[in-house]
Amino acid sequence: MKINLRTRSLREVRKDRMIPGVMYGKSIDSTNIEVEEKAFKDALSEYGKSMTFQVELDGQIHNVYIKHVKTTILRPHDIIHFEFHRIAADETVSASIPVIIHGKDELDKRRLYVQMGLSSIDCEYLSGSGISSFEFDVSEMEMDDSVHVKDLVVPEGVTIHEDLEQVVFSVKEAHEAPEEETEDAEEGIEYDTGEAEEVEEDKEA
């Protein structure tokens, strides 16, 4: 993916459907950059916030991963700023890789559900490797089936820092709670609407 140095105002960058950001890391100065919106969203979808990939800036290739993404609460799909962490060739990345479950609807039909043991997996890997997520399809799993850390398919160059016998998730039978207990529980639910994060202009100046 090609990125450019940012030398113009944030308004001008966003007007051209570009996203402003910053790249920093070992042995380089923090650099203000910009990238095409579609290119960045494609990279975010493919690599997530942990897998390393290559970007080109002024003819030089850098291995980076997406460290942080800022959006607004009203438009969560509109990215207003991002951070690339540049990884040197001899540097390792430590990251918590998310566990993503597919096929829960099929379990619901059989009155089953997924009980999570780990929502993410602590990993370490060298520049140029990594993994964006651990994904599982549970649609055909049966009650009491389980997946342990030792069952994970791990890409070459990735080291897992978890107990190999730890349960990642298991499939359990759903039990319907009494109606009065369900109503009481619902009354105690609080919803967090969150707040939009502001971009720190002094970091991007």
N, C-alpha and C. Protein backbone atom coordinates (compact mmCIF):
# COMPACT_ATOMS: atom_id res chain seq x y z
N MET A 1 0.84 -1.19 0.00
CA MET A 1 0.00 0.00 0.00
C MET A 1 0.88 1.25 0.00
N LYS A 2 0.53 2.21 -0.85
CA LYS A 2 1.31 3.43 -0.94
C LYS A 2 0.74 4.49 0.00
N ILE A 3 1.63 5.14 0.75
CA ILE A 3 1.24 6.23 1.62
C ILE A 3 2.06 7.47 1.25
N ASN A 4 1.53 8.64 1.62
CA ASN A 4 2.19 9.90 1.29
C ASN A 4 2.46 10.72 2.54
N LEU A 5 3.51 11.53 2.47
CA LEU A 5 3.74 12.50 3.53
C LEU A 5 2.58 13.50 3.56
N ARG A 6 2.16 13.89 4.75
CA ARG A 6 1.09 14.89 4.84
C ARG A 6 1.70 16.26 5.10
N THR A 7 1.48 17.17 4.16
CA THR A 7 2.00 18.53 4.28
C THR A 7 0.89 19.57 4.22
N ARG A 8 -0.37 19.13 4.16
CA ARG A 8 -1.49 20.05 4.05
C ARG A 8 -2.43 19.89 5.24
N SER A 9 -3.46 20.73 5.28
CA SER A 9 -4.37 20.72 6.42
C SER A 9 -5.24 19.47 6.44
N LEU A 10 -5.78 19.15 7.63
CA LEU A 10 -6.65 18.00 7.77
C LEU A 10 -7.89 18.13 6.90
N ARG A 11 -8.42 19.34 6.79
CA ARG A 11 -9.62 19.56 5.98
C ARG A 11 -9.35 19.23 4.51
N GLU A 12 -8.19 19.65 4.02
CA GLU A 12 -7.86 19.37 2.62
C GLU A 12 -7.67 17.87 2.39
N VAL A 13 -7.06 17.20 3.36
CA VAL A 13 -6.84 15.76 3.25
C VAL A 13 -8.18 15.03 3.16
N ARG A 14 -9.08 15.33 4.08
CA ARG A 14 -10.37 14.62 4.13
C ARG A 14 -11.26 14.98 2.95
N LYS A 15 -11.13 16.19 2.43
CA LYS A 15 -11.90 16.61 1.27
C LYS A 15 -11.58 15.75 0.05
N ASP A 16 -10.34 15.29 -0.05
CA ASP A 16 -9.90 14.43 -1.16
C ASP A 16 -10.12 12.95 -0.87
N ARG A 17 -10.93 12.63 0.16
CA ARG A 17 -11.22 11.24 0.56
C ARG A 17 -9.94 10.49 0.92
N MET A 18 -9.06 11.20 1.58
CA MET A 18 -7.86 10.61 2.15
C MET A 18 -8.02 10.60 3.67
N ILE A 19 -7.26 9.74 4.35
CA ILE A 19 -7.30 9.67 5.81
C ILE A 19 -5.94 10.09 6.36
N PRO A 20 -5.92 11.06 7.28
CA PRO A 20 -4.65 11.46 7.89
C PRO A 20 -4.22 10.47 8.97
N GLY A 21 -2.91 10.34 9.13
CA GLY A 21 -2.41 9.44 10.15
C GLY A 21 -0.98 9.76 10.52
N VAL A 22 -0.39 8.89 11.31
CA VAL A 22 1.00 9.07 11.73
C VAL A 22 1.67 7.71 11.74
N MET A 23 2.95 7.67 11.39
CA MET A 23 3.75 6.45 11.44
C MET A 23 4.93 6.69 12.37
N TYR A 24 5.13 5.77 13.29
CA TYR A 24 6.25 5.90 14.22
C TYR A 24 6.78 4.51 14.56
N GLY A 25 7.90 4.47 15.25
CA GLY A 25 8.46 3.18 15.63
C GLY A 25 9.94 3.29 15.93
N LYS A 26 10.55 2.12 16.10
CA LYS A 26 11.96 2.04 16.45
C LYS A 26 12.84 2.62 15.34
N SER A 27 13.73 3.50 15.72
CA SER A 27 14.76 4.09 14.86
C SER A 27 14.22 5.03 13.77
N ILE A 28 12.95 5.46 13.87
CA ILE A 28 12.44 6.46 12.92
C ILE A 28 11.71 7.55 13.69
N ASP A 29 11.69 8.74 13.11
CA ASP A 29 10.95 9.84 13.70
C ASP A 29 9.47 9.69 13.38
N SER A 30 8.62 10.21 14.26
CA SER A 30 7.19 10.21 14.01
C SER A 30 6.91 11.03 12.75
N THR A 31 6.16 10.45 11.82
CA THR A 31 5.94 11.07 10.51
C THR A 31 4.45 11.19 10.22
N ASN A 32 4.00 12.41 9.87
CA ASN A 32 2.61 12.62 9.50
C ASN A 32 2.40 12.14 8.07
N ILE A 33 1.39 11.31 7.86
CA ILE A 33 1.14 10.70 6.56
C ILE A 33 -0.34 10.80 6.20
N GLU A 34 -0.66 10.42 4.97
CA GLU A 34 -2.04 10.31 4.52
C GLU A 34 -2.14 9.14 3.55
N VAL A 35 -3.34 8.55 3.47
CA VAL A 35 -3.53 7.38 2.60
C VAL A 35 -4.95 7.42 2.06
N GLU A 36 -5.16 6.84 0.90
CA GLU A 36 -6.49 6.78 0.32
C GLU A 36 -7.44 6.01 1.25
N GLU A 37 -8.64 6.52 1.39
CA GLU A 37 -9.61 5.92 2.31
C GLU A 37 -9.87 4.45 1.99
N LYS A 38 -10.12 4.15 0.72
CA LYS A 38 -10.43 2.77 0.35
C LYS A 38 -9.26 1.83 0.63
N ALA A 39 -8.04 2.28 0.31
CA ALA A 39 -6.86 1.45 0.53
C ALA A 39 -6.68 1.14 2.01
N PHE A 40 -6.93 2.13 2.86
CA PHE A 40 -6.77 1.91 4.29
C PHE A 40 -7.84 0.94 4.81
N LYS A 41 -9.08 1.14 4.40
CA LYS A 41 -10.15 0.26 4.88
C LYS A 41 -9.95 -1.17 4.40
N ASP A 42 -9.42 -1.33 3.19
CA ASP A 42 -9.12 -2.68 2.69
C ASP A 42 -8.03 -3.33 3.55
N ALA A 43 -7.00 -2.55 3.92
CA ALA A 43 -5.91 -3.07 4.75
C ALA A 43 -6.43 -3.43 6.15
N LEU A 44 -7.30 -2.59 6.69
CA LEU A 44 -7.86 -2.84 8.02
C LEU A 44 -8.69 -4.12 8.01
N SER A 45 -9.46 -4.33 6.94
CA SER A 45 -10.28 -5.53 6.81
C SER A 45 -9.42 -6.79 6.67
N GLU A 46 -8.33 -6.69 5.93
CA GLU A 46 -7.49 -7.87 5.67
C GLU A 46 -6.53 -8.19 6.81
N TYR A 47 -5.94 -7.16 7.41
CA TYR A 47 -4.88 -7.39 8.39
C TYR A 47 -5.30 -7.12 9.84
N GLY A 48 -6.43 -6.45 10.04
CA GLY A 48 -6.84 -6.14 11.39
C GLY A 48 -5.87 -5.18 12.08
N LYS A 49 -5.80 -5.29 13.41
CA LYS A 49 -4.93 -4.40 14.19
C LYS A 49 -3.74 -5.14 14.80
N SER A 50 -3.31 -6.21 14.14
CA SER A 50 -2.19 -6.96 14.70
C SER A 50 -1.24 -7.50 13.63
N MET A 51 -1.76 -7.84 12.47
CA MET A 51 -0.91 -8.45 11.44
C MET A 51 -0.08 -7.40 10.73
N THR A 52 1.19 -7.71 10.50
CA THR A 52 2.07 -6.76 9.82
C THR A 52 1.90 -6.85 8.31
N PHE A 53 2.14 -5.72 7.64
CA PHE A 53 2.09 -5.67 6.19
C PHE A 53 3.00 -4.55 5.71
N GLN A 54 3.20 -4.45 4.42
CA GLN A 54 4.15 -3.47 3.87
C GLN A 54 3.46 -2.24 3.32
N VAL A 55 4.08 -1.08 3.57
CA VAL A 55 3.64 0.17 2.98
C VAL A 55 4.85 0.82 2.30
N GLU A 56 4.57 1.66 1.31
CA GLU A 56 5.64 2.36 0.59
C GLU A 56 5.51 3.86 0.81
N LEU A 57 6.60 4.47 1.25
CA LEU A 57 6.64 5.91 1.48
C LEU A 57 7.91 6.46 0.83
N ASP A 58 7.73 7.32 -0.16
CA ASP A 58 8.87 7.91 -0.88
C ASP A 58 9.85 6.87 -1.39
N GLY A 59 9.30 5.77 -1.91
CA GLY A 59 10.15 4.75 -2.51
C GLY A 59 10.74 3.76 -1.53
N GLN A 60 10.52 3.96 -0.23
CA GLN A 60 11.04 3.04 0.78
C GLN A 60 9.92 2.15 1.32
N ILE A 61 10.25 0.88 1.55
CA ILE A 61 9.28 -0.09 2.06
C ILE A 61 9.42 -0.21 3.58
N HIS A 62 8.29 -0.19 4.25
CA HIS A 62 8.27 -0.32 5.72
C HIS A 62 7.28 -1.42 6.10
N ASN A 63 7.66 -2.24 7.08
CA ASN A 63 6.73 -3.19 7.68
C ASN A 63 6.02 -2.51 8.84
N VAL A 64 4.70 -2.52 8.81
CA VAL A 64 3.92 -1.83 9.83
C VAL A 64 2.75 -2.70 10.27
N TYR A 65 2.12 -2.32 11.37
CA TYR A 65 0.79 -2.83 11.70
C TYR A 65 -0.06 -1.66 12.18
N ILE A 66 -1.36 -1.82 12.10
CA ILE A 66 -2.27 -0.74 12.49
C ILE A 66 -2.40 -0.73 14.00
N LYS A 67 -1.83 0.30 14.62
CA LYS A 67 -1.80 0.39 16.07
C LYS A 67 -3.12 0.91 16.63
N HIS A 68 -3.69 1.91 15.96
CA HIS A 68 -4.90 2.53 16.50
C HIS A 68 -5.70 3.17 15.37
N VAL A 69 -7.01 3.16 15.52
CA VAL A 69 -7.92 3.79 14.56
C VAL A 69 -8.92 4.64 15.33
N LYS A 70 -9.14 5.86 14.87
CA LYS A 70 -10.11 6.75 15.52
C LYS A 70 -11.31 6.99 14.60
N THR A 71 -12.50 6.85 15.20
CA THR A 71 -13.74 7.13 14.49
C THR A 71 -14.60 8.06 15.35
N THR A 72 -15.79 8.38 14.88
CA THR A 72 -16.73 9.17 15.67
C THR A 72 -17.90 8.30 16.07
N ILE A 73 -18.58 8.67 17.15
CA ILE A 73 -19.68 7.85 17.65
C ILE A 73 -20.88 7.89 16.71
N LEU A 74 -21.08 9.01 16.01
CA LEU A 74 -22.22 9.13 15.11
C LEU A 74 -21.99 8.40 13.79
N ARG A 75 -20.72 8.31 13.37
CA ARG A 75 -20.38 7.62 12.13
C ARG A 75 -19.21 6.67 12.39
N PRO A 76 -19.50 5.54 13.02
CA PRO A 76 -18.41 4.62 13.41
C PRO A 76 -17.64 4.04 12.25
N HIS A 77 -18.19 4.10 11.03
CA HIS A 77 -17.47 3.57 9.87
C HIS A 77 -16.59 4.64 9.20
N ASP A 78 -16.73 5.88 9.64
CA ASP A 78 -15.90 6.96 9.10
C ASP A 78 -14.62 7.08 9.93
N ILE A 79 -13.49 6.74 9.33
CA ILE A 79 -12.21 6.79 10.03
C ILE A 79 -11.63 8.19 9.90
N ILE A 80 -11.31 8.82 11.03
CA ILE A 80 -10.81 10.20 11.00
C ILE A 80 -9.30 10.27 11.24
N HIS A 81 -8.70 9.21 11.75
CA HIS A 81 -7.25 9.22 12.00
C HIS A 81 -6.78 7.80 12.28
N PHE A 82 -5.52 7.52 12.01
CA PHE A 82 -4.97 6.19 12.28
C PHE A 82 -3.51 6.32 12.68
N GLU A 83 -2.97 5.24 13.26
CA GLU A 83 -1.57 5.17 13.64
C GLU A 83 -0.96 3.88 13.09
N PHE A 84 0.16 4.01 12.39
CA PHE A 84 0.95 2.87 11.96
C PHE A 84 2.15 2.73 12.88
N HIS A 85 2.39 1.53 13.39
CA HIS A 85 3.60 1.25 14.16
C HIS A 85 4.56 0.52 13.25
N ARG A 86 5.69 1.15 12.96
CA ARG A 86 6.69 0.54 12.09
C ARG A 86 7.51 -0.47 12.88
N ILE A 87 7.73 -1.64 12.27
CA ILE A 87 8.45 -2.72 12.92
C ILE A 87 9.78 -2.95 12.21
N ALA A 88 10.88 -2.87 12.96
CA ALA A 88 12.19 -3.14 12.39
C ALA A 88 12.35 -4.64 12.13
N ALA A 89 13.29 -4.99 11.26
CA ALA A 89 13.47 -6.39 10.86
C ALA A 89 13.77 -7.31 12.03
N ASP A 90 14.46 -6.78 13.07
CA ASP A 90 14.84 -7.61 14.21
C ASP A 90 13.89 -7.42 15.40
N GLU A 91 12.77 -6.79 15.18
CA GLU A 91 11.83 -6.49 16.26
C GLU A 91 10.67 -7.47 16.25
N THR A 92 10.17 -7.82 17.44
CA THR A 92 9.01 -8.70 17.55
C THR A 92 7.78 -7.91 17.96
N VAL A 93 6.63 -8.45 17.61
CA VAL A 93 5.35 -7.83 17.95
C VAL A 93 4.65 -8.72 18.97
N SER A 94 4.15 -8.12 20.04
CA SER A 94 3.31 -8.83 21.00
C SER A 94 1.89 -8.29 20.86
N ALA A 95 0.93 -9.19 20.66
CA ALA A 95 -0.44 -8.75 20.43
C ALA A 95 -1.43 -9.78 20.95
N SER A 96 -2.62 -9.28 21.30
CA SER A 96 -3.73 -10.16 21.67
C SER A 96 -4.61 -10.32 20.43
N ILE A 97 -4.63 -11.52 19.88
CA ILE A 97 -5.34 -11.79 18.64
C ILE A 97 -6.78 -12.21 18.96
N PRO A 98 -7.77 -11.52 18.41
CA PRO A 98 -9.17 -11.82 18.76
C PRO A 98 -9.62 -13.19 18.26
N VAL A 99 -10.52 -13.80 19.03
CA VAL A 99 -11.17 -15.04 18.64
C VAL A 99 -12.55 -14.69 18.08
N ILE A 100 -12.83 -15.09 16.85
CA ILE A 100 -14.10 -14.75 16.19
C ILE A 100 -14.89 -16.02 15.93
N ILE A 101 -16.13 -16.02 16.35
CA ILE A 101 -16.99 -17.19 16.22
C ILE A 101 -18.06 -16.95 15.16
N HIS A 102 -18.18 -17.89 14.23
CA HIS A 102 -19.23 -17.85 13.20
C HIS A 102 -20.18 -19.02 13.42
N GLY A 103 -21.43 -18.86 12.97
CA GLY A 103 -22.38 -19.97 13.01
C GLY A 103 -23.19 -20.10 14.28
N LYS A 104 -23.22 -19.05 15.11
CA LYS A 104 -23.97 -19.13 16.36
C LYS A 104 -25.47 -19.31 16.12
N ASP A 105 -25.98 -18.77 15.02
CA ASP A 105 -27.41 -18.88 14.72
C ASP A 105 -27.83 -20.34 14.59
N GLU A 106 -26.96 -21.16 14.02
CA GLU A 106 -27.28 -22.58 13.87
C GLU A 106 -27.33 -23.27 15.23
N LEU A 107 -26.48 -22.85 16.15
CA LEU A 107 -26.53 -23.42 17.50
C LEU A 107 -27.81 -23.02 18.21
N ASP A 108 -28.23 -21.78 18.01
CA ASP A 108 -29.47 -21.29 18.64
C ASP A 108 -30.65 -22.18 18.28
N LYS A 109 -30.68 -22.64 17.03
CA LYS A 109 -31.80 -23.48 16.58
C LYS A 109 -31.85 -24.80 17.33
N ARG A 110 -30.70 -25.23 17.86
CA ARG A 110 -30.63 -26.49 18.61
C ARG A 110 -30.52 -26.26 20.11
N ARG A 111 -30.83 -25.01 20.53
CA ARG A 111 -30.79 -24.64 21.95
C ARG A 111 -29.40 -24.87 22.55
N LEU A 112 -28.39 -24.48 21.77
CA LEU A 112 -27.01 -24.53 22.23
C LEU A 112 -26.41 -23.14 22.16
N TYR A 113 -25.31 -22.93 22.88
CA TYR A 113 -24.63 -21.64 22.83
C TYR A 113 -23.13 -21.84 23.04
N VAL A 114 -22.35 -20.80 22.73
CA VAL A 114 -20.90 -20.85 22.88
C VAL A 114 -20.49 -20.21 24.20
N GLN A 115 -19.78 -20.97 25.00
CA GLN A 115 -19.23 -20.45 26.24
C GLN A 115 -17.74 -20.16 26.02
N MET A 116 -17.39 -18.87 26.11
CA MET A 116 -16.02 -18.48 25.82
C MET A 116 -15.10 -18.70 27.01
N GLY A 117 -13.92 -19.23 26.73
CA GLY A 117 -12.88 -19.34 27.74
C GLY A 117 -11.84 -18.25 27.55
N LEU A 118 -11.54 -17.96 26.27
CA LEU A 118 -10.61 -16.89 25.90
C LEU A 118 -11.22 -16.10 24.75
N SER A 119 -11.31 -14.79 24.90
CA SER A 119 -11.81 -13.95 23.81
C SER A 119 -10.68 -13.49 22.90
N SER A 120 -9.44 -13.67 23.36
CA SER A 120 -8.28 -13.34 22.54
C SER A 120 -7.12 -14.24 22.95
N ILE A 121 -6.13 -14.35 22.05
CA ILE A 121 -4.98 -15.22 22.28
C ILE A 121 -3.71 -14.36 22.27
N ASP A 122 -2.93 -14.41 23.32
CA ASP A 122 -1.68 -13.65 23.39
C ASP A 122 -0.61 -14.32 22.52
N CYS A 123 -0.09 -13.55 21.56
CA CYS A 123 0.88 -14.09 20.61
C CYS A 123 2.08 -13.15 20.47
N GLU A 124 3.14 -13.71 19.90
CA GLU A 124 4.34 -12.94 19.59
C GLU A 124 4.86 -13.41 18.23
N TYR A 125 5.31 -12.46 17.41
CA TYR A 125 5.80 -12.82 16.08
C TYR A 125 6.74 -11.76 15.55
N LEU A 126 7.54 -12.13 14.56
CA LEU A 126 8.51 -11.23 13.96
C LEU A 126 7.86 -10.36 12.90
N SER A 127 8.55 -9.29 12.55
CA SER A 127 8.11 -8.42 11.47
C SER A 127 7.93 -9.23 10.19
N GLY A 128 6.86 -8.94 9.46
CA GLY A 128 6.59 -9.64 8.23
C GLY A 128 5.71 -10.85 8.38
N SER A 129 5.31 -11.18 9.62
CA SER A 129 4.41 -12.31 9.84
C SER A 129 3.30 -11.87 10.78
N GLY A 130 2.52 -12.82 11.27
CA GLY A 130 1.45 -12.48 12.18
C GLY A 130 0.13 -13.06 11.73
N ILE A 131 -0.93 -12.73 12.45
CA ILE A 131 -2.27 -13.22 12.16
C ILE A 131 -3.26 -12.17 12.65
N SER A 132 -4.34 -11.96 11.90
CA SER A 132 -5.30 -10.92 12.26
C SER A 132 -6.35 -11.43 13.24
N SER A 133 -6.70 -12.74 13.17
CA SER A 133 -7.71 -13.29 14.07
C SER A 133 -7.69 -14.81 14.00
N PHE A 134 -8.26 -15.45 15.02
CA PHE A 134 -8.52 -16.88 15.00
C PHE A 134 -10.02 -17.05 14.81
N GLU A 135 -10.44 -17.64 13.69
CA GLU A 135 -11.85 -17.75 13.35
C GLU A 135 -12.32 -19.20 13.36
N PHE A 136 -13.54 -19.39 13.86
CA PHE A 136 -14.10 -20.74 13.99
C PHE A 136 -15.55 -20.74 13.53
N ASP A 137 -15.96 -21.81 12.86
CA ASP A 137 -17.34 -22.04 12.48
C ASP A 137 -17.91 -23.11 13.40
N VAL A 138 -18.90 -22.73 14.21
CA VAL A 138 -19.44 -23.66 15.21
C VAL A 138 -20.78 -24.26 14.78
N SER A 139 -21.21 -23.98 13.54
CA SER A 139 -22.55 -24.37 13.10
C SER A 139 -22.81 -25.87 13.18
N GLU A 140 -21.76 -26.69 13.05
CA GLU A 140 -21.95 -28.15 13.07
C GLU A 140 -21.39 -28.80 14.34
N MET A 141 -21.01 -27.99 15.31
CA MET A 141 -20.50 -28.54 16.56
C MET A 141 -21.64 -29.04 17.43
N GLU A 142 -21.32 -29.97 18.34
CA GLU A 142 -22.32 -30.57 19.21
C GLU A 142 -22.10 -30.15 20.66
N MET A 143 -23.09 -30.45 21.51
CA MET A 143 -23.00 -30.09 22.92
C MET A 143 -21.76 -30.72 23.56
N ASP A 144 -21.05 -29.91 24.33
CA ASP A 144 -19.84 -30.28 25.06
C ASP A 144 -18.60 -30.39 24.18
N ASP A 145 -18.73 -30.09 22.88
CA ASP A 145 -17.53 -29.97 22.05
C ASP A 145 -16.72 -28.77 22.52
N SER A 146 -15.40 -28.89 22.48
CA SER A 146 -14.53 -27.80 22.95
C SER A 146 -13.35 -27.61 22.01
N VAL A 147 -12.82 -26.42 22.00
CA VAL A 147 -11.58 -26.12 21.30
C VAL A 147 -10.59 -25.60 22.33
N HIS A 148 -9.39 -26.21 22.37
CA HIS A 148 -8.33 -25.81 23.29
C HIS A 148 -7.26 -25.02 22.53
N VAL A 149 -6.41 -24.37 23.27
CA VAL A 149 -5.30 -23.62 22.66
C VAL A 149 -4.45 -24.54 21.80
N LYS A 150 -4.25 -25.77 22.25
CA LYS A 150 -3.42 -26.71 21.49
C LYS A 150 -4.03 -27.10 20.15
N ASP A 151 -5.33 -26.82 19.96
CA ASP A 151 -6.01 -27.15 18.72
C ASP A 151 -5.90 -26.05 17.66
N LEU A 152 -5.37 -24.90 18.02
CA LEU A 152 -5.31 -23.77 17.09
C LEU A 152 -4.33 -24.03 15.95
N VAL A 153 -4.71 -23.57 14.78
CA VAL A 153 -3.80 -23.62 13.62
C VAL A 153 -3.01 -22.32 13.63
N VAL A 154 -1.71 -22.43 13.89
CA VAL A 154 -0.86 -21.26 14.09
C VAL A 154 0.06 -21.06 12.89
N PRO A 155 0.05 -19.88 12.29
CA PRO A 155 0.93 -19.62 11.14
C PRO A 155 2.41 -19.71 11.53
N GLU A 156 3.24 -20.00 10.56
CA GLU A 156 4.68 -20.07 10.79
C GLU A 156 5.19 -18.73 11.30
N GLY A 157 6.05 -18.77 12.29
CA GLY A 157 6.63 -17.55 12.83
C GLY A 157 5.87 -16.94 13.98
N VAL A 158 4.71 -17.53 14.33
CA VAL A 158 3.88 -17.02 15.41
C VAL A 158 4.02 -17.92 16.63
N THR A 159 4.30 -17.33 17.80
CA THR A 159 4.40 -18.07 19.06
C THR A 159 3.23 -17.69 19.96
N ILE A 160 2.57 -18.68 20.52
CA ILE A 160 1.44 -18.45 21.41
C ILE A 160 1.91 -18.47 22.86
N HIS A 161 1.51 -17.46 23.62
CA HIS A 161 1.85 -17.40 25.04
C HIS A 161 0.60 -17.67 25.88
N GLU A 162 0.08 -18.87 25.77
CA GLU A 162 -1.08 -19.31 26.55
C GLU A 162 -0.85 -20.76 26.97
N ASP A 163 -1.54 -21.18 28.01
CA ASP A 163 -1.52 -22.59 28.42
C ASP A 163 -2.16 -23.42 27.32
N LEU A 164 -1.45 -24.41 26.80
CA LEU A 164 -1.94 -25.22 25.69
C LEU A 164 -3.22 -25.98 26.04
N GLU A 165 -3.45 -26.24 27.33
CA GLU A 165 -4.65 -26.97 27.75
C GLU A 165 -5.83 -26.05 28.03
N GLN A 166 -5.61 -24.74 27.94
CA GLN A 166 -6.70 -23.79 28.19
C GLN A 166 -7.80 -23.94 27.15
N VAL A 167 -9.05 -23.92 27.62
CA VAL A 167 -10.20 -23.99 26.71
C VAL A 167 -10.42 -22.62 26.09
N VAL A 168 -10.46 -22.57 24.76
CA VAL A 168 -10.76 -21.33 24.06
C VAL A 168 -12.27 -21.08 24.09
N PHE A 169 -13.04 -22.10 23.74
CA PHE A 169 -14.50 -22.03 23.87
C PHE A 169 -15.07 -23.44 23.87
N SER A 170 -16.29 -23.57 24.35
CA SER A 170 -16.99 -24.86 24.34
C SER A 170 -18.45 -24.61 24.02
N VAL A 171 -19.12 -25.66 23.57
CA VAL A 171 -20.54 -25.57 23.21
C VAL A 171 -21.36 -26.17 24.35
N LYS A 172 -22.33 -25.39 24.83
CA LYS A 172 -23.14 -25.81 25.97
C LYS A 172 -24.62 -25.76 25.63
N GLU A 173 -25.41 -26.46 26.44
CA GLU A 173 -26.86 -26.45 26.26
C GLU A 173 -27.44 -25.22 26.94
N ALA A 174 -28.34 -24.54 26.24
CA ALA A 174 -28.97 -23.34 26.79
C ALA A 174 -30.13 -23.76 27.68
N HIS A 175 -30.20 -23.14 28.87
CA HIS A 175 -31.30 -23.39 29.80
C HIS A 175 -32.12 -22.12 29.93
N GLU A 176 -33.42 -22.23 29.74
CA GLU A 176 -34.30 -21.06 29.79
C GLU A 176 -34.52 -20.66 31.23
N ALA A 177 -34.26 -19.38 31.53
CA ALA A 177 -34.44 -18.88 32.89
C ALA A 177 -35.92 -18.62 33.16
N PRO A 178 -36.38 -18.74 34.42
CA PRO A 178 -37.77 -18.40 34.76
C PRO A 178 -38.08 -16.98 34.34
N GLU A 179 -39.34 -16.75 33.92
CA GLU A 179 -39.71 -15.45 33.35
C GLU A 179 -39.48 -14.30 34.30
N GLU A 180 -39.84 -14.50 35.63
CA GLU A 180 -39.68 -13.40 36.56
C GLU A 180 -38.22 -13.03 36.77
N GLU A 181 -37.32 -14.03 36.74
CA GLU A 181 -35.90 -13.75 36.90
C GLU A 181 -35.36 -12.99 35.69
N THR A 182 -35.85 -13.36 34.50
CA THR A 182 -35.41 -12.68 33.29
C THR A 182 -35.80 -11.21 33.32
N GLU A 183 -37.04 -10.93 33.78
CA GLU A 183 -37.50 -9.53 33.84
C GLU A 183 -36.68 -8.73 34.84
N ASP A 184 -36.36 -9.35 35.99
CA ASP A 184 -35.54 -8.64 36.98
C ASP A 184 -34.17 -8.33 36.44
N ALA A 185 -33.61 -9.27 35.69
CA ALA A 185 -32.28 -9.06 35.14
C ALA A 185 -32.28 -7.93 34.14
N GLU A 186 -33.36 -7.87 33.32
CA GLU A 186 -33.43 -6.83 32.30
C GLU A 186 -33.50 -5.45 32.92
N GLU A 187 -34.19 -5.34 34.09
CA GLU A 187 -34.32 -4.04 34.74
C GLU A 187 -32.97 -3.50 35.19
N GLY A 188 -32.02 -4.40 35.45
CA GLY A 188 -30.72 -3.96 35.95
C GLY A 188 -29.70 -3.68 34.87
N ILE A 189 -30.07 -3.85 33.60
CA ILE A 189 -29.12 -3.65 32.51
C ILE A 189 -28.88 -2.17 32.29
N GLU A 190 -27.63 -1.77 32.15
CA GLU A 190 -27.26 -0.40 31.81
C GLU A 190 -26.51 -0.42 30.49
N TYR A 191 -26.81 0.54 29.66
CA TYR A 191 -26.18 0.60 28.35
C TYR A 191 -25.20 1.76 28.30
N ASP A 192 -23.99 1.46 27.84
CA ASP A 192 -22.95 2.47 27.71
C ASP A 192 -22.91 2.96 26.28
N THR A 193 -23.28 4.23 26.08
CA THR A 193 -23.29 4.78 24.72
C THR A 193 -21.91 5.20 24.25
N GLY A 194 -20.99 5.40 25.19
CA GLY A 194 -19.62 5.77 24.81
C GLY A 194 -19.51 7.21 24.37
N GLU A 195 -18.29 7.65 24.12
CA GLU A 195 -18.03 9.01 23.66
C GLU A 195 -17.05 8.97 22.52
N ALA A 196 -17.22 9.91 21.62
CA ALA A 196 -16.30 9.98 20.49
C ALA A 196 -14.95 10.47 20.96
N GLU A 197 -13.88 9.89 20.39
CA GLU A 197 -12.53 10.33 20.71
C GLU A 197 -12.14 11.49 19.82
N GLU A 198 -11.48 12.46 20.39
CA GLU A 198 -11.03 13.61 19.64
C GLU A 198 -9.61 13.37 19.14
N VAL A 199 -9.32 13.84 17.94
CA VAL A 199 -7.97 13.74 17.38
C VAL A 199 -7.11 14.81 18.01
N GLU A 200 -5.95 14.42 18.48
CA GLU A 200 -5.03 15.38 19.07
C GLU A 200 -4.26 16.09 17.96
N GLU A 201 -4.61 17.37 17.74
CA GLU A 201 -4.02 18.10 16.62
C GLU A 201 -2.53 18.31 16.80
N ASP A 202 -2.07 18.40 18.07
CA ASP A 202 -0.64 18.65 18.25
C ASP A 202 0.18 17.45 17.81
N LYS A 203 -0.43 16.25 17.81
CA LYS A 203 0.30 15.06 17.36
C LYS A 203 0.41 15.04 15.85
N GLU A 204 -0.58 15.69 15.16
CA GLU A 204 -0.61 15.64 13.72
C GLU A 204 -0.02 16.88 13.08
N ALA A 205 0.29 17.90 13.87
CA ALA A 205 0.75 19.17 13.30
C ALA A 205 2.05 19.01 12.54
